[in-house]
């Protein structure tokens, strides 16, 4: 589907270094309690968001000057060629409230398709990496999705219950899935998709995500043997729904949704 794997040694070294520096910026701010302000869309932003994205953009301008950048705070677009995708602090609300589930997400897309993804969650002590065609890892150890093939044996995760309740068609679909699944839980933001990739749960559902939220995770989930699409089984798009599964359950979930 994606052709021959790209050789991305320099790029992988860069995102590792950037993640280290991002953690150095974010952890002291997290521990002291960050100052939070609201953006025009009412979503929160902290000093860590701004400083990390600025650092990554500055380093990219030096290391890969011909590449484009798309970031949550600084904008950009996912066009042809090489585009770096930056979410400086995913789960900013958790970060602001002192919850450890937050992370820096970095990806490289080539001609619109993510080929490298890194998720750094320093407060959890977890770093996930994936390169297209080379597998996925957690803290350097290879990971793989679970082999669960029946929804009745599966753990299903969903985000922001209120978003599901506001849309009747989604509410009914979620109730059906929760009723049939062995267990349903709520894990926030990037972490649910990481749990799918490492085989801890089987399904993660989100009604709407920006490209900087899902691009690194798409490489991770797929390289771990899973599947990531929109709810209808179509491609992941900016602002669209995102469904991550272990692959075995993907068609079942798509049909239910």
Protein backbone atom coordinates (compact mmCIF):
# COMPACT_ATOMS: atom_id res chain seq x y z
CA UNK A 1 0.00 0.00 0.00
CA UNK A 2 2.77 2.41 0.88
CA UNK A 3 5.56 1.09 -1.33
CA UNK A 4 9.09 0.52 -0.10
CA UNK A 5 9.89 1.78 3.42
CA UNK A 6 11.66 5.12 3.46
CA UNK A 7 15.07 5.44 5.09
CA UNK A 8 14.40 7.94 7.84
CA UNK A 9 17.34 7.57 10.20
CA UNK A 10 18.08 11.32 10.31
CA UNK A 11 14.43 12.13 10.81
CA UNK A 12 14.03 9.61 13.63
CA UNK A 13 17.12 10.97 15.35
CA UNK A 14 15.66 14.47 15.06
CA UNK A 15 12.28 13.63 16.64
CA UNK A 16 14.01 11.82 19.49
CA UNK A 17 16.15 14.87 20.21
CA UNK A 18 13.15 17.18 19.88
CA UNK A 19 11.14 15.01 22.28
CA UNK A 20 13.97 15.16 24.84
CA UNK A 21 14.05 18.95 24.62
CA UNK A 22 10.26 19.17 24.77
CA UNK A 23 10.26 17.17 28.00
CA UNK A 24 12.89 19.49 29.47
CA UNK A 25 10.60 22.43 28.72
CA UNK A 26 7.31 20.84 29.77
CA UNK A 27 8.06 18.90 32.95
CA UNK A 28 9.10 21.87 35.14
CA UNK A 29 6.03 23.81 33.98
CA UNK A 30 3.80 20.80 34.66
CA UNK A 31 5.21 20.32 38.14
CA UNK A 32 4.78 23.95 39.16
CA UNK A 33 1.34 24.31 37.56
CA UNK A 34 1.21 26.08 34.19
CA UNK A 35 -0.54 29.34 33.44
CA UNK A 36 -3.40 28.75 31.00
CA UNK A 37 -5.14 31.09 28.60
CA UNK A 38 -7.89 30.46 26.08
CA UNK A 39 -7.44 30.70 22.32
CA UNK A 40 -10.18 32.21 20.11
CA UNK A 41 -11.78 28.76 19.72
CA UNK A 42 -11.95 28.48 23.56
CA UNK A 43 -9.36 25.69 23.68
CA UNK A 44 -6.58 26.11 26.26
CA UNK A 45 -2.95 26.94 25.53
CA UNK A 46 0.00 27.08 27.92
CA UNK A 47 3.55 28.41 27.86
CA UNK A 48 4.71 24.84 27.22
CA UNK A 49 2.62 24.59 24.03
CA UNK A 50 4.09 27.77 22.64
CA UNK A 51 7.71 27.19 23.66
CA UNK A 52 7.83 23.60 22.43
CA UNK A 53 6.35 24.34 19.02
CA UNK A 54 8.67 27.32 18.59
CA UNK A 55 11.65 25.13 19.48
CA UNK A 56 10.63 22.40 17.03
CA UNK A 57 10.03 24.89 14.23
CA UNK A 58 13.39 26.58 14.83
CA UNK A 59 15.21 23.23 14.76
CA UNK A 60 13.39 22.10 11.63
CA UNK A 61 14.33 25.33 9.86
CA UNK A 62 17.96 24.52 10.63
CA UNK A 63 17.95 20.76 10.05
CA UNK A 64 15.38 20.35 7.25
CA UNK A 65 14.98 23.82 5.70
CA UNK A 66 13.18 22.59 2.58
CA UNK A 67 10.41 20.86 4.54
CA UNK A 68 7.05 22.39 5.45
CA UNK A 69 5.62 22.45 8.99
CA UNK A 70 2.06 22.06 10.27
CA UNK A 71 1.57 22.76 13.96
CA UNK A 72 -1.34 23.22 16.33
CA UNK A 73 -0.18 26.65 17.45
CA UNK A 74 1.55 27.99 14.33
CA UNK A 75 -0.67 26.62 11.58
CA UNK A 76 0.30 25.24 8.18
CA UNK A 77 -1.25 22.66 5.88
CA UNK A 78 -0.85 19.01 4.96
CA UNK A 79 0.09 19.31 1.30
CA UNK A 80 2.37 17.46 -1.13
CA UNK A 81 6.01 16.79 -0.36
CA UNK A 82 7.49 16.51 3.12
CA UNK A 83 5.49 18.05 5.97
CA UNK A 84 6.38 17.87 9.66
CA UNK A 85 3.38 17.77 11.99
CA UNK A 86 3.65 19.08 15.54
CA UNK A 87 1.32 18.86 18.53
CA UNK A 88 3.49 20.40 21.27
CA UNK A 89 1.24 19.36 24.16
CA UNK A 90 -1.56 16.96 23.37
CA UNK A 91 -4.13 16.81 26.20
CA UNK A 92 -3.45 20.38 27.31
CA UNK A 93 -6.40 20.24 29.71
CA UNK A 94 -4.78 17.30 31.49
CA UNK A 95 -1.47 19.14 31.56
CA UNK A 96 -3.14 22.19 33.08
CA UNK A 97 -4.98 20.14 35.72
CA UNK A 98 -1.95 18.14 36.86
CA UNK A 99 -2.98 14.86 35.19
CA UNK A 100 -0.01 12.91 33.86
CA UNK A 101 -1.64 11.83 30.60
CA UNK A 102 -0.24 14.44 28.19
CA UNK A 103 2.43 14.28 25.55
CA UNK A 104 4.31 15.79 22.63
CA UNK A 105 3.30 14.33 19.26
CA UNK A 106 5.58 14.58 16.22
CA UNK A 107 5.12 13.16 12.74
CA UNK A 108 6.52 13.37 9.23
CA UNK A 109 4.14 13.03 6.29
CA UNK A 110 5.26 12.52 2.70
CA UNK A 111 2.71 13.46 0.04
CA UNK A 112 -0.03 13.51 2.66
CA UNK A 113 0.70 10.13 4.24
CA UNK A 114 2.30 9.94 7.72
CA UNK A 115 5.45 7.80 7.56
CA UNK A 116 7.03 8.51 10.95
CA UNK A 117 5.41 9.10 14.31
CA UNK A 118 6.64 9.73 17.84
CA UNK A 119 4.61 10.15 21.02
CA UNK A 120 6.51 11.32 24.09
CA UNK A 121 4.63 11.18 27.40
CA UNK A 122 7.35 12.07 29.92
CA UNK A 123 5.09 12.30 32.98
CA UNK A 124 4.09 8.67 32.28
CA UNK A 125 7.64 7.60 31.42
CA UNK A 126 6.48 6.40 27.99
CA UNK A 127 7.81 7.04 24.49
CA UNK A 128 6.21 5.45 21.46
CA UNK A 129 7.91 5.37 18.05
CA UNK A 130 6.99 4.04 14.63
CA UNK A 131 8.43 4.27 11.12
CA UNK A 132 6.45 3.02 8.14
CA UNK A 133 7.57 -0.49 7.30
CA UNK A 134 9.75 -0.85 10.40
CA UNK A 135 7.29 -1.61 13.21
CA UNK A 136 6.36 0.20 16.42
CA UNK A 137 7.93 0.34 19.87
CA UNK A 138 7.38 1.53 23.44
CA UNK A 139 10.54 2.65 25.23
CA UNK A 140 12.57 0.71 22.66
CA UNK A 141 10.63 -2.56 22.99
CA UNK A 142 8.53 -3.72 20.00
CA UNK A 143 4.77 -3.58 20.54
CA UNK A 144 1.83 -5.21 18.77
CA UNK A 145 -1.94 -5.03 18.94
CA UNK A 146 -3.95 -7.74 20.69
CA UNK A 147 -5.36 -10.83 19.01
CA UNK A 148 -8.87 -10.39 20.44
CA UNK A 149 -11.33 -11.14 17.64
CA UNK A 150 -14.75 -10.87 19.36
CA UNK A 151 -16.27 -7.62 20.58
CA UNK A 152 -17.67 -9.50 23.59
CA UNK A 153 -14.05 -10.09 24.70
CA UNK A 154 -12.83 -6.59 23.88
CA UNK A 155 -12.09 -3.46 25.88
CA UNK A 156 -13.48 -0.38 24.14
CA UNK A 157 -12.37 3.16 24.87
CA UNK A 158 -14.18 6.37 23.96
CA UNK A 159 -13.38 10.04 24.47
CA UNK A 160 -15.53 12.91 25.77
CA UNK A 161 -18.87 11.28 26.57
CA UNK A 162 -20.65 14.62 26.14
CA UNK A 163 -19.71 14.72 22.44
CA UNK A 164 -21.40 11.35 21.91
CA UNK A 165 -24.53 12.32 23.82
CA UNK A 166 -24.99 15.50 21.78
CA UNK A 167 -25.45 13.51 18.55
CA UNK A 168 -28.34 11.00 18.68
CA UNK A 169 -26.93 8.72 15.99
CA UNK A 170 -23.59 8.48 17.78
CA UNK A 171 -25.25 8.04 21.15
CA UNK A 172 -27.18 5.00 19.92
CA UNK A 173 -24.12 3.52 18.24
CA UNK A 174 -22.01 3.96 21.37
CA UNK A 175 -24.68 2.42 23.59
CA UNK A 176 -24.78 -0.61 21.33
CA UNK A 177 -21.01 -1.03 21.34
CA UNK A 178 -20.69 -0.50 25.10
CA UNK A 179 -23.43 -3.04 25.75
CA UNK A 180 -21.78 -5.67 23.58
CA UNK A 181 -18.15 -5.09 24.59
CA UNK A 182 -16.63 -6.89 27.56
CA UNK A 183 -15.57 -3.56 29.07
CA UNK A 184 -15.76 0.13 28.21
CA UNK A 185 -13.40 2.76 29.61
CA UNK A 186 -12.46 6.39 29.03
CA UNK A 187 -8.82 7.22 28.32
CA UNK A 188 -8.10 10.69 27.15
CA UNK A 189 -6.59 11.96 23.91
CA UNK A 190 -3.55 10.21 22.40
CA UNK A 191 -3.21 7.57 25.11
CA UNK A 192 -6.17 5.43 24.09
CA UNK A 193 -4.69 4.96 20.61
CA UNK A 194 -1.33 4.08 22.17
CA UNK A 195 -3.07 1.48 24.33
CA UNK A 196 -4.56 -0.07 21.17
CA UNK A 197 -1.11 -0.19 19.59
CA UNK A 198 0.44 -1.94 22.57
CA UNK A 199 -2.37 -4.49 22.91
CA UNK A 200 -3.84 -3.23 26.19
CA UNK A 201 -7.25 -2.40 24.67
CA UNK A 202 -8.88 -3.18 21.33
CA UNK A 203 -10.85 -0.08 20.27
CA UNK A 204 -10.46 3.70 20.59
CA UNK A 205 -13.17 6.05 19.26
CA UNK A 206 -13.04 9.84 18.82
CA UNK A 207 -15.76 11.82 16.97
CA UNK A 208 -13.41 14.58 15.79
CA UNK A 209 -9.64 15.10 15.66
CA UNK A 210 -7.23 17.53 14.02
CA UNK A 211 -4.49 16.12 11.82
CA UNK A 212 -1.79 16.92 14.42
CA UNK A 213 -3.72 14.74 16.88
CA UNK A 214 -3.94 11.65 14.70
CA UNK A 215 -0.99 11.71 12.25
CA UNK A 216 1.68 10.26 14.60
CA UNK A 217 -0.83 7.79 16.02
CA UNK A 218 -1.79 6.47 12.59
CA UNK A 219 1.76 5.29 11.94
CA UNK A 220 1.98 3.83 15.43
CA UNK A 221 -1.30 1.89 15.33
CA UNK A 222 -0.78 0.57 11.81
CA UNK A 223 2.85 -0.42 12.37
CA UNK A 224 1.73 -2.28 15.50
CA UNK A 225 -0.62 -4.32 13.30
CA UNK A 226 -3.84 -2.37 13.86
CA UNK A 227 -6.12 -0.20 11.75
CA UNK A 228 -7.02 3.49 11.85
CA UNK A 229 -9.77 5.04 9.71
CA UNK A 230 -12.74 7.36 9.98
CA UNK A 231 -15.87 5.87 11.55
CA UNK A 232 -17.20 4.95 8.09
CA UNK A 233 -13.99 3.13 7.17
CA UNK A 234 -12.78 5.96 4.95
CA UNK A 235 -9.49 7.84 5.19
CA UNK A 236 -8.55 9.98 8.18
CA UNK A 237 -9.04 13.67 7.43
CA UNK A 238 -8.63 16.98 9.23
CA UNK A 239 -11.40 17.41 11.79
CA UNK A 240 -12.94 14.04 11.05
CA UNK A 241 -13.78 11.03 13.20
CA UNK A 242 -11.05 8.56 14.14
CA UNK A 243 -11.38 4.85 14.88
CA UNK A 244 -8.37 2.82 16.01
CA UNK A 245 -8.69 -0.94 16.47
CA UNK A 246 -6.54 -4.03 16.65
CA UNK A 247 -7.62 -4.77 13.07
CA UNK A 248 -9.54 -7.93 13.91
CA UNK A 249 -12.53 -5.89 15.11
CA UNK A 250 -12.35 -3.03 12.64
CA UNK A 251 -15.06 -4.12 10.23
CA UNK A 252 -17.41 -4.96 13.10
CA UNK A 253 -17.00 -1.51 14.65
CA UNK A 254 -17.36 0.30 11.31
CA UNK A 255 -20.62 -1.56 10.61
CA UNK A 256 -21.92 -0.68 14.08
CA UNK A 257 -21.11 3.00 13.58
